[in-house]
């Protein structure tokens, strides 16, 4: 087909309109390359300048983000290939919990010293969480069970409230409360001393991500089909629902210390800041893609607030990126 003279101008005009109307993504203000190969997982939080990254050829490496320096590497015993997919950093930044499909291990973050190794029988590990000072560990399993372990006493308690695969777990800083989400369409907040359910958060489909506000104000749970809910931990009532659009599945989430925002990451490179009270999107960024990926892609593994004006993301591209919040 041959375009007429006027048709060519119309095509150029439409292309210009599409470009002008598309959302311009702000760029990160700092990038730290901490893996030469695509990463499996990462852990970072608001109270430390260190990040742990798990990659195929490099095992788990702990980086100092201020100095842009690799501090040490660690891995599981007798594993020739790195298979660590789950990483959790304690809220105070003192300890790291790592897990592959069957084994999990606890480490000191200041020097990489191992505290202990444990194994799961008759199931696989789906997600992990660790409390301040590494005192308590939480392990979500493929058989629907969740183990809560107290390190000093060796006490284990099993939560049996879920009936299917547990996909995501989180724990309060003191280890007293757990939030877990499952394929059974429920997220539960429960007491780790008694294994009794405090609140039930129903979903229309499987729950894929849960996150606790470490100051005890909110819980967040996300489903597999564009649902994200923020809950009031004083009442158990829903505060807001995120206005998610297509392809915005949640893989990482963090509440801001000031209690105003929720930060989420997705497998589509989308990093989004939300208003807790309304569920409205406030700002959006796009993380760097994996080198030479076609189409350009990256999964966001972890997010955190550096302060009230800056956030940080770690994605499967192996890059930590710092972003400015518009005030």
C-alpha atoms as a PDB file:
ATOM      1  CA  UNK A   1       0.000   0.000   0.000  1.00  0.00           C
ATOM      2  CA  UNK A   2       1.297   3.492  -0.941  1.00  0.00           C
ATOM      3  CA  UNK A   3       0.518   6.399   1.370  1.00  0.00           C
ATOM      4  CA  UNK A   4      -0.660   9.669  -0.137  1.00  0.00           C
ATOM      5  CA  UNK A   5       1.096  12.906   0.755  1.00  0.00           C
ATOM      6  CA  UNK A   6      -1.604  13.740   3.331  1.00  0.00           C
ATOM      7  CA  UNK A   7      -1.555  10.152   4.618  1.00  0.00           C
ATOM      8  CA  UNK A   8       2.148  10.387   5.399  1.00  0.00           C
ATOM      9  CA  UNK A   9       1.587  13.524   7.471  1.00  0.00           C
ATOM     10  CA  UNK A  10      -1.301  11.841   9.299  1.00  0.00           C
ATOM     11  CA  UNK A  11       0.928   8.870  10.160  1.00  0.00           C
ATOM     12  CA  UNK A  12       3.675  11.156  11.471  1.00  0.00           C
ATOM     13  CA  UNK A  13       1.125  13.138  13.502  1.00  0.00           C
ATOM     14  CA  UNK A  14      -0.336   9.997  15.102  1.00  0.00           C
ATOM     15  CA  UNK A  15       3.134   8.678  15.945  1.00  0.00           C
ATOM     16  CA  UNK A  16       3.986  12.009  17.589  1.00  0.00           C
ATOM     17  CA  UNK A  17       0.769  11.908  19.621  1.00  0.00           C
ATOM     18  CA  UNK A  18       1.486   8.383  20.835  1.00  0.00           C
ATOM     19  CA  UNK A  19       4.989   9.394  21.893  1.00  0.00           C
ATOM     20  CA  UNK A  20       3.804  12.568  23.597  1.00  0.00           C
ATOM     21  CA  UNK A  21       1.011  10.802  25.455  1.00  0.00           C
ATOM     22  CA  UNK A  22       3.152   7.929  26.716  1.00  0.00           C
ATOM     23  CA  UNK A  23       4.304   8.142  30.320  1.00  0.00           C
ATOM     24  CA  UNK A  24       7.917   9.236  30.671  1.00  0.00           C
ATOM     25  CA  UNK A  25       9.634   7.098  33.291  1.00  0.00           C
ATOM     26  CA  UNK A  26      12.033   8.965  35.608  1.00  0.00           C
ATOM     27  CA  UNK A  27      15.528   7.483  35.714  1.00  0.00           C
ATOM     28  CA  UNK A  28      17.326   6.148  38.765  1.00  0.00           C
ATOM     29  CA  UNK A  29      19.794   8.528  40.398  1.00  0.00           C
ATOM     30  CA  UNK A  30      22.277   5.775  41.238  1.00  0.00           C
ATOM     31  CA  UNK A  31      22.976   2.241  39.988  1.00  0.00           C
ATOM     32  CA  UNK A  32      25.127  -0.405  41.694  1.00  0.00           C
ATOM     33  CA  UNK A  33      26.015  -3.495  39.653  1.00  0.00           C
ATOM     34  CA  UNK A  34      26.252  -6.360  42.171  1.00  0.00           C
ATOM     35  CA  UNK A  35      25.921  -9.412  39.934  1.00  0.00           C
ATOM     36  CA  UNK A  36      27.402 -10.137  36.515  1.00  0.00           C
ATOM     37  CA  UNK A  37      24.681 -12.703  35.800  1.00  0.00           C
ATOM     38  CA  UNK A  38      20.887 -12.534  36.270  1.00  0.00           C
ATOM     39  CA  UNK A  39      19.964 -13.012  39.932  1.00  0.00           C
ATOM     40  CA  UNK A  40      17.538 -15.495  41.527  1.00  0.00           C
ATOM     41  CA  UNK A  41      16.625 -13.410  44.545  1.00  0.00           C
ATOM     42  CA  UNK A  42      17.698 -10.595  46.859  1.00  0.00           C
ATOM     43  CA  UNK A  43      17.103  -9.147  50.324  1.00  0.00           C
ATOM     44  CA  UNK A  44      17.351  -5.554  51.491  1.00  0.00           C
ATOM     45  CA  UNK A  45      15.654  -3.423  54.143  1.00  0.00           C
ATOM     46  CA  UNK A  46      15.319   0.108  55.498  1.00  0.00           C
ATOM     47  CA  UNK A  47      17.873  -0.184  58.327  1.00  0.00           C
ATOM     48  CA  UNK A  48      21.015  -1.365  56.585  1.00  0.00           C
ATOM     49  CA  UNK A  49      23.246  -0.333  53.706  1.00  0.00           C
ATOM     50  CA  UNK A  50      23.833  -3.966  52.792  1.00  0.00           C
ATOM     51  CA  UNK A  51      22.077  -6.139  50.238  1.00  0.00           C
ATOM     52  CA  UNK A  52      22.272  -9.910  49.724  1.00  0.00           C
ATOM     53  CA  UNK A  53      22.002 -11.157  46.133  1.00  0.00           C
ATOM     54  CA  UNK A  54      21.744 -14.764  44.917  1.00  0.00           C
ATOM     55  CA  UNK A  55      22.985 -15.492  41.378  1.00  0.00           C
ATOM     56  CA  UNK A  56      23.684 -18.640  39.371  1.00  0.00           C
ATOM     57  CA  UNK A  57      27.463 -18.452  39.064  1.00  0.00           C
ATOM     58  CA  UNK A  58      28.242 -16.379  42.140  1.00  0.00           C
ATOM     59  CA  UNK A  59      26.246 -17.917  45.007  1.00  0.00           C
ATOM     60  CA  UNK A  60      24.959 -15.407  47.558  1.00  0.00           C
ATOM     61  CA  UNK A  61      27.038 -12.243  47.763  1.00  0.00           C
ATOM     62  CA  UNK A  62      26.601  -9.538  50.402  1.00  0.00           C
ATOM     63  CA  UNK A  63      27.353  -6.012  49.215  1.00  0.00           C
ATOM     64  CA  UNK A  64      27.974  -2.721  50.997  1.00  0.00           C
ATOM     65  CA  UNK A  65      25.905  -0.265  48.959  1.00  0.00           C
ATOM     66  CA  UNK A  66      27.592   2.839  50.374  1.00  0.00           C
ATOM     67  CA  UNK A  67      31.060   1.654  49.391  1.00  0.00           C
ATOM     68  CA  UNK A  68      29.902  -0.278  46.289  1.00  0.00           C
ATOM     69  CA  UNK A  69      31.945  -3.251  47.522  1.00  0.00           C
ATOM     70  CA  UNK A  70      31.358  -7.000  47.768  1.00  0.00           C
ATOM     71  CA  UNK A  71      31.993  -8.000  51.401  1.00  0.00           C
ATOM     72  CA  UNK A  72      31.734 -11.791  51.317  1.00  0.00           C
ATOM     73  CA  UNK A  73      30.009 -14.751  49.664  1.00  0.00           C
ATOM     74  CA  UNK A  74      28.157 -17.669  51.229  1.00  0.00           C
ATOM     75  CA  UNK A  75      26.334 -20.821  50.198  1.00  0.00           C
ATOM     76  CA  UNK A  76      24.722 -24.017  51.378  1.00  0.00           C
ATOM     77  CA  UNK A  77      26.771 -27.070  52.261  1.00  0.00           C
ATOM     78  CA  UNK A  78      27.601 -29.668  49.609  1.00  0.00           C
ATOM     79  CA  UNK A  79      25.744 -27.791  46.873  1.00  0.00           C
ATOM     80  CA  UNK A  80      27.823 -27.593  43.691  1.00  0.00           C
ATOM     81  CA  UNK A  81      25.402 -25.214  41.965  1.00  0.00           C
ATOM     82  CA  UNK A  82      23.753 -22.300  43.691  1.00  0.00           C
ATOM     83  CA  UNK A  83      20.076 -23.133  44.217  1.00  0.00           C
ATOM     84  CA  UNK A  84      19.212 -20.458  46.802  1.00  0.00           C
ATOM     85  CA  UNK A  85      15.967 -18.816  45.706  1.00  0.00           C
ATOM     86  CA  UNK A  86      14.627 -17.437  49.015  1.00  0.00           C
ATOM     87  CA  UNK A  87      16.377 -14.726  51.039  1.00  0.00           C
ATOM     88  CA  UNK A  88      15.108 -12.764  54.043  1.00  0.00           C
ATOM     89  CA  UNK A  89      16.872 -10.020  55.962  1.00  0.00           C
ATOM     90  CA  UNK A  90      15.840  -9.377  59.574  1.00  0.00           C
ATOM     91  CA  UNK A  91      14.145  -5.981  60.113  1.00  0.00           C
ATOM     92  CA  UNK A  92      17.139  -4.744  62.137  1.00  0.00           C
ATOM     93  CA  UNK A  93      19.549  -5.875  59.397  1.00  0.00           C
ATOM     94  CA  UNK A  94      21.558  -8.137  61.708  1.00  0.00           C
ATOM     95  CA  UNK A  95      20.792 -11.565  60.202  1.00  0.00           C
ATOM     96  CA  UNK A  96      20.129 -13.185  56.832  1.00  0.00           C
ATOM     97  CA  UNK A  97      18.036 -16.314  56.245  1.00  0.00           C
ATOM     98  CA  UNK A  98      18.605 -18.228  52.990  1.00  0.00           C
ATOM     99  CA  UNK A  99      16.735 -21.173  51.528  1.00  0.00           C
ATOM    100  CA  UNK A 100      16.823 -23.558  48.588  1.00  0.00           C
ATOM    101  CA  UNK A 101      14.090 -26.111  47.917  1.00  0.00           C
ATOM    102  CA  UNK A 102      14.905 -28.299  50.954  1.00  0.00           C
ATOM    103  CA  UNK A 103      17.452 -26.563  53.211  1.00  0.00           C
ATOM    104  CA  UNK A 104      17.655 -23.207  54.984  1.00  0.00           C
ATOM    105  CA  UNK A 105      20.477 -21.456  56.824  1.00  0.00           C
ATOM    106  CA  UNK A 106      20.935 -18.468  59.147  1.00  0.00           C
ATOM    107  CA  UNK A 107      23.870 -16.056  58.854  1.00  0.00           C
ATOM    108  CA  UNK A 108      25.254 -13.017  60.672  1.00  0.00           C
ATOM    109  CA  UNK A 109      25.248 -10.046  58.334  1.00  0.00           C
ATOM    110  CA  UNK A 110      28.238  -8.252  59.836  1.00  0.00           C
ATOM    111  CA  UNK A 111      30.736 -11.000  58.972  1.00  0.00           C
ATOM    112  CA  UNK A 112      28.881 -13.800  57.147  1.00  0.00           C
ATOM    113  CA  UNK A 113      29.293 -16.298  59.992  1.00  0.00           C
ATOM    114  CA  UNK A 114      26.881 -19.222  59.793  1.00  0.00           C
ATOM    115  CA  UNK A 115      24.568 -19.797  62.770  1.00  0.00           C
ATOM    116  CA  UNK A 116      23.034 -23.068  61.625  1.00  0.00           C
ATOM    117  CA  UNK A 117      21.599 -25.249  58.865  1.00  0.00           C
ATOM    118  CA  UNK A 118      18.192 -26.966  58.869  1.00  0.00           C
ATOM    119  CA  UNK A 119      16.149 -29.099  56.467  1.00  0.00           C
ATOM    120  CA  UNK A 120      12.496 -29.562  55.539  1.00  0.00           C
ATOM    121  CA  UNK A 121      11.086 -33.072  55.097  1.00  0.00           C
ATOM    122  CA  UNK A 122       8.242 -34.197  52.818  1.00  0.00           C
ATOM    123  CA  UNK A 123       7.787 -30.720  51.302  1.00  0.00           C
ATOM    124  CA  UNK A 124       9.669 -27.888  49.611  1.00  0.00           C
ATOM    125  CA  UNK A 125      10.468 -24.410  50.918  1.00  0.00           C
ATOM    126  CA  UNK A 126       8.330 -21.677  49.356  1.00  0.00           C
ATOM    127  CA  UNK A 127       9.304 -18.581  51.369  1.00  0.00           C
ATOM    128  CA  UNK A 128      11.198 -17.478  54.496  1.00  0.00           C
ATOM    129  CA  UNK A 129      11.246 -14.731  57.132  1.00  0.00           C
ATOM    130  CA  UNK A 130      13.499 -13.943  60.103  1.00  0.00           C
ATOM    131  CA  UNK A 131      12.978 -11.663  63.121  1.00  0.00           C
ATOM    132  CA  UNK A 132      15.289  -9.125  64.751  1.00  0.00           C
ATOM    133  CA  UNK A 133      18.586 -10.566  66.041  1.00  0.00           C
ATOM    134  CA  UNK A 134      17.805 -13.826  64.198  1.00  0.00           C
ATOM    135  CA  UNK A 135      15.811 -15.046  67.211  1.00  0.00           C
ATOM    136  CA  UNK A 136      12.897 -16.520  65.251  1.00  0.00           C
ATOM    137  CA  UNK A 137      12.572 -18.068  61.787  1.00  0.00           C
ATOM    138  CA  UNK A 138       9.468 -18.652  59.670  1.00  0.00           C
ATOM    139  CA  UNK A 139       9.327 -21.212  56.842  1.00  0.00           C
ATOM    140  CA  UNK A 140       6.409 -21.520  54.402  1.00  0.00           C
ATOM    141  CA  UNK A 141       6.086 -24.923  52.729  1.00  0.00           C
ATOM    142  CA  UNK A 142       4.523 -26.520  49.652  1.00  0.00           C
ATOM    143  CA  UNK A 143       2.365 -28.823  51.810  1.00  0.00           C
ATOM    144  CA  UNK A 144       0.476 -25.868  53.317  1.00  0.00           C
ATOM    145  CA  UNK A 145       2.359 -25.946  56.627  1.00  0.00           C
ATOM    146  CA  UNK A 146       4.281 -23.041  58.142  1.00  0.00           C
ATOM    147  CA  UNK A 147       7.059 -23.665  60.673  1.00  0.00           C
ATOM    148  CA  UNK A 148       7.948 -21.104  63.348  1.00  0.00           C
ATOM    149  CA  UNK A 149      11.314 -21.816  64.995  1.00  0.00           C
ATOM    150  CA  UNK A 150      12.783 -20.146  68.086  1.00  0.00           C
ATOM    151  CA  UNK A 151      16.557 -20.334  67.800  1.00  0.00           C
ATOM    152  CA  UNK A 152      17.513 -20.192  71.498  1.00  0.00           C
ATOM    153  CA  UNK A 153      15.250 -23.046  72.602  1.00  0.00           C
ATOM    154  CA  UNK A 154      14.857 -24.983  69.365  1.00  0.00           C
ATOM    155  CA  UNK A 155      11.077 -24.801  69.835  1.00  0.00           C
ATOM    156  CA  UNK A 156       9.091 -25.457  66.669  1.00  0.00           C
ATOM    157  CA  UNK A 157       5.426 -24.764  66.190  1.00  0.00           C
ATOM    158  CA  UNK A 158       3.508 -25.692  63.038  1.00  0.00           C
ATOM    159  CA  UNK A 159       0.712 -23.533  61.702  1.00  0.00           C
ATOM    160  CA  UNK A 160      -1.842 -25.754  59.957  1.00  0.00           C
ATOM    161  CA  UNK A 161      -4.392 -23.118  58.959  1.00  0.00           C
ATOM    162  CA  UNK A 162      -3.665 -23.309  55.232  1.00  0.00           C
ATOM    163  CA  UNK A 163      -4.917 -26.154  53.055  1.00  0.00           C
ATOM    164  CA  UNK A 164      -2.691 -25.614  49.998  1.00  0.00           C
ATOM    165  CA  UNK A 165       0.735 -24.337  48.915  1.00  0.00           C
ATOM    166  CA  UNK A 166       2.061 -21.448  51.032  1.00  0.00           C
ATOM    167  CA  UNK A 167       3.425 -18.823  48.641  1.00  0.00           C
ATOM    168  CA  UNK A 168       4.548 -15.962  50.869  1.00  0.00           C
ATOM    169  CA  UNK A 169       5.350 -15.342  54.553  1.00  0.00           C
ATOM    170  CA  UNK A 170       6.328 -12.386  56.724  1.00  0.00           C
ATOM    171  CA  UNK A 171       6.895 -11.887  60.448  1.00  0.00           C
ATOM    172  CA  UNK A 172       6.871  -9.035  62.958  1.00  0.00           C
ATOM    173  CA  UNK A 173      10.245  -7.742  64.119  1.00  0.00           C
ATOM    174  CA  UNK A 174       9.858  -9.414  67.532  1.00  0.00           C
ATOM    175  CA  UNK A 175       8.774 -12.733  65.991  1.00  0.00           C
ATOM    176  CA  UNK A 176       5.407 -12.765  67.783  1.00  0.00           C
ATOM    177  CA  UNK A 177       3.120 -12.405  64.750  1.00  0.00           C
ATOM    178  CA  UNK A 178       3.164 -14.052  61.328  1.00  0.00           C
ATOM    179  CA  UNK A 179       1.411 -13.174  58.076  1.00  0.00           C
ATOM    180  CA  UNK A 180       1.090 -15.985  55.533  1.00  0.00           C
ATOM    181  CA  UNK A 181      -0.580 -16.331  52.127  1.00  0.00           C
ATOM    182  CA  UNK A 182      -1.549 -19.465  50.221  1.00  0.00           C
ATOM    183  CA  UNK A 183      -3.121 -20.989  47.130  1.00  0.00           C
ATOM    184  CA  UNK A 184      -6.192 -21.594  49.315  1.00  0.00           C
ATOM    185  CA  UNK A 185      -7.289 -17.956  48.688  1.00  0.00           C
ATOM    186  CA  UNK A 186      -6.493 -16.791  52.240  1.00  0.00           C
ATOM    187  CA  UNK A 187      -3.933 -14.658  54.010  1.00  0.00           C
ATOM    188  CA  UNK A 188      -3.807 -15.157  57.778  1.00  0.00           C
ATOM    189  CA  UNK A 189      -2.341 -13.071  60.576  1.00  0.00           C
ATOM    190  CA  UNK A 190      -1.595 -15.460  63.440  1.00  0.00           C
ATOM    191  CA  UNK A 191       0.042 -15.661  66.856  1.00  0.00           C
ATOM    192  CA  UNK A 192       3.330 -17.585  66.727  1.00  0.00           C
ATOM    193  CA  UNK A 193       3.088 -18.636  70.393  1.00  0.00           C
ATOM    194  CA  UNK A 194      -0.267 -20.375  70.041  1.00  0.00           C
ATOM    195  CA  UNK A 195      -0.644 -20.779  66.245  1.00  0.00           C
ATOM    196  CA  UNK A 196      -4.102 -19.216  66.628  1.00  0.00           C
ATOM    197  CA  UNK A 197      -5.512 -17.094  63.808  1.00  0.00           C
ATOM    198  CA  UNK A 198      -6.013 -13.420  64.695  1.00  0.00           C
ATOM    199  CA  UNK A 199      -7.384 -12.176  61.357  1.00  0.00           C
ATOM    200  CA  UNK A 200      -8.448 -13.895  58.135  1.00  0.00           C
ATOM    201  CA  UNK A 201      -8.034 -11.952  54.902  1.00  0.00           C
ATOM    202  CA  UNK A 202     -10.033 -13.668  52.114  1.00  0.00           C
ATOM    203  CA  UNK A 203      -9.114 -13.334  48.428  1.00  0.00           C
ATOM    204  CA  UNK A 204     -10.996 -14.290  45.252  1.00  0.00           C
ATOM    205  CA  UNK A 205      -7.973 -16.326  44.126  1.00  0.00           C
ATOM    206  CA  UNK A 206      -4.586 -17.532  45.339  1.00  0.00           C
ATOM    207  CA  UNK A 207      -2.505 -15.203  47.512  1.00  0.00           C
ATOM    208  CA  UNK A 208       0.963 -14.682  46.060  1.00  0.00           C
ATOM    209  CA  UNK A 209       2.527 -11.962  48.244  1.00  0.00           C
ATOM    210  CA  UNK A 210       2.145 -10.775  51.856  1.00  0.00           C
ATOM    211  CA  UNK A 211       3.958  -8.033  53.767  1.00  0.00           C
ATOM    212  CA  UNK A 212       3.725  -6.662  57.315  1.00  0.00           C
ATOM    213  CA  UNK A 213       4.323  -3.073  58.326  1.00  0.00           C
ATOM    214  CA  UNK A 214       7.115  -3.427  60.878  1.00  0.00           C
ATOM    215  CA  UNK A 215       5.516  -0.806  63.118  1.00  0.00           C
ATOM    216  CA  UNK A 216       2.408  -2.952  63.465  1.00  0.00           C
ATOM    217  CA  UNK A 217      -0.056  -0.688  61.654  1.00  0.00           C
ATOM    218  CA  UNK A 218      -0.822  -2.484  58.394  1.00  0.00           C
ATOM    219  CA  UNK A 219      -0.712  -5.719  56.444  1.00  0.00           C
ATOM    220  CA  UNK A 220      -0.618  -6.117  52.675  1.00  0.00           C
ATOM    221  CA  UNK A 221      -1.765  -9.112  50.657  1.00  0.00           C
ATOM    222  CA  UNK A 222      -1.761  -9.528  46.882  1.00  0.00           C
ATOM    223  CA  UNK A 223      -3.501 -12.058  44.666  1.00  0.00           C
ATOM    224  CA  UNK A 224      -2.612 -13.714  41.392  1.00  0.00           C
ATOM    225  CA  UNK A 225      -5.182 -11.774  39.362  1.00  0.00           C
ATOM    226  CA  UNK A 226      -4.579  -8.078  39.942  1.00  0.00           C
ATOM    227  CA  UNK A 227      -5.728  -7.778  43.544  1.00  0.00           C
ATOM    228  CA  UNK A 228      -3.808  -5.933  46.227  1.00  0.00           C
ATOM    229  CA  UNK A 229      -5.315  -5.103  49.626  1.00  0.00           C
ATOM    230  CA  UNK A 230      -4.073  -3.023  52.573  1.00  0.00           C
ATOM    231  CA  UNK A 231      -5.498  -4.065  55.968  1.00  0.00           C
ATOM    232  CA  UNK A 232      -5.734  -2.303  59.340  1.00  0.00           C
ATOM    233  CA  UNK A 233      -4.052  -4.486  61.984  1.00  0.00           C
ATOM    234  CA  UNK A 234      -6.006  -2.851  64.815  1.00  0.00           C
ATOM    235  CA  UNK A 235      -9.388  -3.853  63.393  1.00  0.00           C
ATOM    236  CA  UNK A 236      -8.699  -6.420  60.668  1.00  0.00           C
ATOM    237  CA  UNK A 237     -10.685  -4.246  58.243  1.00  0.00           C
ATOM    238  CA  UNK A 238      -9.655  -3.323  54.716  1.00  0.00           C
ATOM    239  CA  UNK A 239      -8.184   0.178  54.404  1.00  0.00           C
ATOM    240  CA  UNK A 240      -7.805   0.307  50.632  1.00  0.00           C
ATOM    241  CA  UNK A 241      -7.420  -1.720  47.449  1.00  0.00           C
ATOM    242  CA  UNK A 242      -4.616  -0.939  45.013  1.00  0.00           C
ATOM    243  CA  UNK A 243      -5.717   0.320  41.617  1.00  0.00           C
ATOM    244  CA  UNK A 244      -3.730  -2.316  39.755  1.00  0.00           C
ATOM    245  CA  UNK A 245      -3.638  -2.432  35.978  1.00  0.00           C
ATOM    246  CA  UNK A 246      -2.900  -5.338  33.694  1.00  0.00           C
ATOM    247  CA  UNK A 247       0.404  -7.183  34.287  1.00  0.00           C
ATOM    248  CA  UNK A 248       0.948  -5.610  37.731  1.00  0.00           C
ATOM    249  CA  UNK A 249       1.535  -8.779  39.722  1.00  0.00           C
ATOM    250  CA  UNK A 250       3.408  -8.078  42.977  1.00  0.00           C
ATOM    251  CA  UNK A 251       6.773  -9.731  43.682  1.00  0.00           C
ATOM    252  CA  UNK A 252       8.113  -7.291  46.318  1.00  0.00           C
ATOM    253  CA  UNK A 253       6.454  -4.908  48.780  1.00  0.00           C
ATOM    254  CA  UNK A 254       7.434  -2.601  51.646  1.00  0.00           C
ATOM    255  CA  UNK A 255       5.560  -0.107  53.832  1.00  0.00           C
ATOM    256  CA  UNK A 256       7.261   3.241  54.425  1.00  0.00           C
ATOM    257  CA  UNK A 257       8.386   4.049  57.987  1.00  0.00           C
ATOM    258  CA  UNK A 258       6.200   7.182  57.919  1.00  0.00           C
ATOM    259  CA  UNK A 259       3.105   5.010  57.338  1.00  0.00           C
ATOM    260  CA  UNK A 260       1.907   6.939  54.270  1.00  0.00           C
ATOM    261  CA  UNK A 261       3.121   4.749  51.415  1.00  0.00           C
ATOM    262  CA  UNK A 262       3.433   1.223  50.100  1.00  0.00           C
ATOM    263  CA  UNK A 263       6.218   0.448  47.616  1.00  0.00           C
ATOM    264  CA  UNK A 264       5.804  -2.539  45.279  1.00  0.00           C
ATOM    265  CA  UNK A 265       7.812  -4.293  42.591  1.00  0.00           C
ATOM    266  CA  UNK A 266       6.642  -6.577  39.813  1.00  0.00           C
ATOM    267  CA  UNK A 267       7.978  -9.094  37.257  1.00  0.00           C
ATOM    268  CA  UNK A 268       7.356  -6.490  34.536  1.00  0.00           C
ATOM    269  CA  UNK A 269      10.056  -4.044  35.799  1.00  0.00           C
ATOM    270  CA  UNK A 270       7.392  -1.760  37.329  1.00  0.00           C
ATOM    271  CA  UNK A 271       8.321  -0.097  40.629  1.00  0.00           C
ATOM    272  CA  UNK A 272       5.293   1.729  42.068  1.00  0.00           C
ATOM    273  CA  UNK A 273       4.638   3.979  45.074  1.00  0.00           C
ATOM    274  CA  UNK A 274       1.066   3.797  46.430  1.00  0.00           C
ATOM    275  CA  UNK A 275      -0.966   5.867  48.868  1.00  0.00           C
ATOM    276  CA  UNK A 276      -1.907   3.624  51.813  1.00  0.00           C
ATOM    277  CA  UNK A 277      -5.136   5.466  52.645  1.00  0.00           C
ATOM    278  CA  UNK A 278      -6.623   5.439  49.130  1.00  0.00           C
ATOM    279  CA  UNK A 279      -4.786   2.730  47.167  1.00  0.00           C
ATOM    280  CA  UNK A 280      -3.991   5.259  44.425  1.00  0.00           C
ATOM    281  CA  UNK A 281      -0.737   5.165  42.470  1.00  0.00           C
ATOM    282  CA  UNK A 282       1.477   8.137  43.329  1.00  0.00           C
ATOM    283  CA  UNK A 283       4.587   7.515  41.252  1.00  0.00           C
ATOM    284  CA  UNK A 284       6.038   4.850  38.959  1.00  0.00           C
ATOM    285  CA  UNK A 285       9.510   3.902  37.758  1.00  0.00           C
ATOM    286  CA  UNK A 286      10.955   1.197  35.493  1.00  0.00           C
ATOM    287  CA  UNK A 287      14.024  -0.756  36.614  1.00  0.00           C
ATOM    288  CA  UNK A 288      16.867  -1.726  34.315  1.00  0.00           C
ATOM    289  CA  UNK A 289      16.290  -4.822  32.178  1.00  0.00           C
ATOM    290  CA  UNK A 290      18.508  -7.904  32.152  1.00  0.00           C
ATOM    291  CA  UNK A 291      21.330  -7.327  29.678  1.00  0.00           C
ATOM    292  CA  UNK A 292      20.422  -8.494  26.149  1.00  0.00           C
ATOM    293  CA  UNK A 293      17.000  -9.803  27.230  1.00  0.00           C
ATOM    294  CA  UNK A 294      14.429  -9.858  24.407  1.00  0.00           C
ATOM    295  CA  UNK A 295      11.897  -8.543  25.128  1.00  0.00           C
ATOM    296  CA  UNK A 296      13.488  -6.351  27.773  1.00  0.00           C
ATOM    297  CA  UNK A 297      12.617  -7.896  31.137  1.00  0.00           C
ATOM    298  CA  UNK A 298      13.521  -8.072  34.827  1.00  0.00           C
ATOM    299  CA  UNK A 299      11.824  -9.232  38.020  1.00  0.00           C
ATOM    300  CA  UNK A 300      12.005  -6.922  41.034  1.00  0.00           C
ATOM    301  CA  UNK A 301      13.162  -9.049  43.991  1.00  0.00           C
ATOM    302  CA  UNK A 302      13.312  -6.516  46.826  1.00  0.00           C
ATOM    303  CA  UNK A 303      12.487  -2.887  47.641  1.00  0.00           C
ATOM    304  CA  UNK A 304      13.160  -0.554  50.573  1.00  0.00           C
ATOM    305  CA  UNK A 305      12.958   3.062  51.735  1.00  0.00           C
ATOM    306  CA  UNK A 306      16.287   4.806  52.291  1.00  0.00           C
ATOM    307  CA  UNK A 307      14.481   7.856  53.718  1.00  0.00           C
ATOM    308  CA  UNK A 308      11.347   9.914  52.992  1.00  0.00           C
ATOM    309  CA  UNK A 309      12.752  11.085  49.651  1.00  0.00           C
ATOM    310  CA  UNK A 310      14.631   8.054  48.286  1.00  0.00           C
ATOM    311  CA  UNK A 311      13.885   4.375  47.665  1.00  0.00           C
ATOM    312  CA  UNK A 312      15.961   1.442  46.436  1.00  0.00           C
ATOM    313  CA  UNK A 313      15.171  -1.600  44.304  1.00  0.00           C
ATOM    314  CA  UNK A 314      17.057  -4.811  43.541  1.00  0.00           C
ATOM    315  CA  UNK A 315      16.034  -6.760  40.429  1.00  0.00           C
ATOM    316  CA  UNK A 316      17.039  -9.855  38.471  1.00  0.00           C
ATOM    317  CA  UNK A 317      19.208  -7.626  36.271  1.00  0.00           C
ATOM    318  CA  UNK A 318      21.754  -7.784  39.110  1.00  0.00           C
ATOM    319  CA  UNK A 319      21.533  -4.033  39.661  1.00  0.00           C
ATOM    320  CA  UNK A 320      20.495  -2.076  42.751  1.00  0.00           C
ATOM    321  CA  UNK A 321      18.927   1.260  41.780  1.00  0.00           C
ATOM    322  CA  UNK A 322      18.199   4.335  43.886  1.00  0.00           C
ATOM    323  CA  UNK A 323      15.186   6.488  42.973  1.00  0.00           C
ATOM    324  CA  UNK A 324      13.920   9.926  44.009  1.00  0.00           C
ATOM    325  CA  UNK A 325      10.393  10.384  45.391  1.00  0.00           C
ATOM    326  CA  UNK A 326       8.720  13.515  44.055  1.00  0.00           C
ATOM    327  CA  UNK A 327       7.657  15.713  46.976  1.00  0.00           C
END
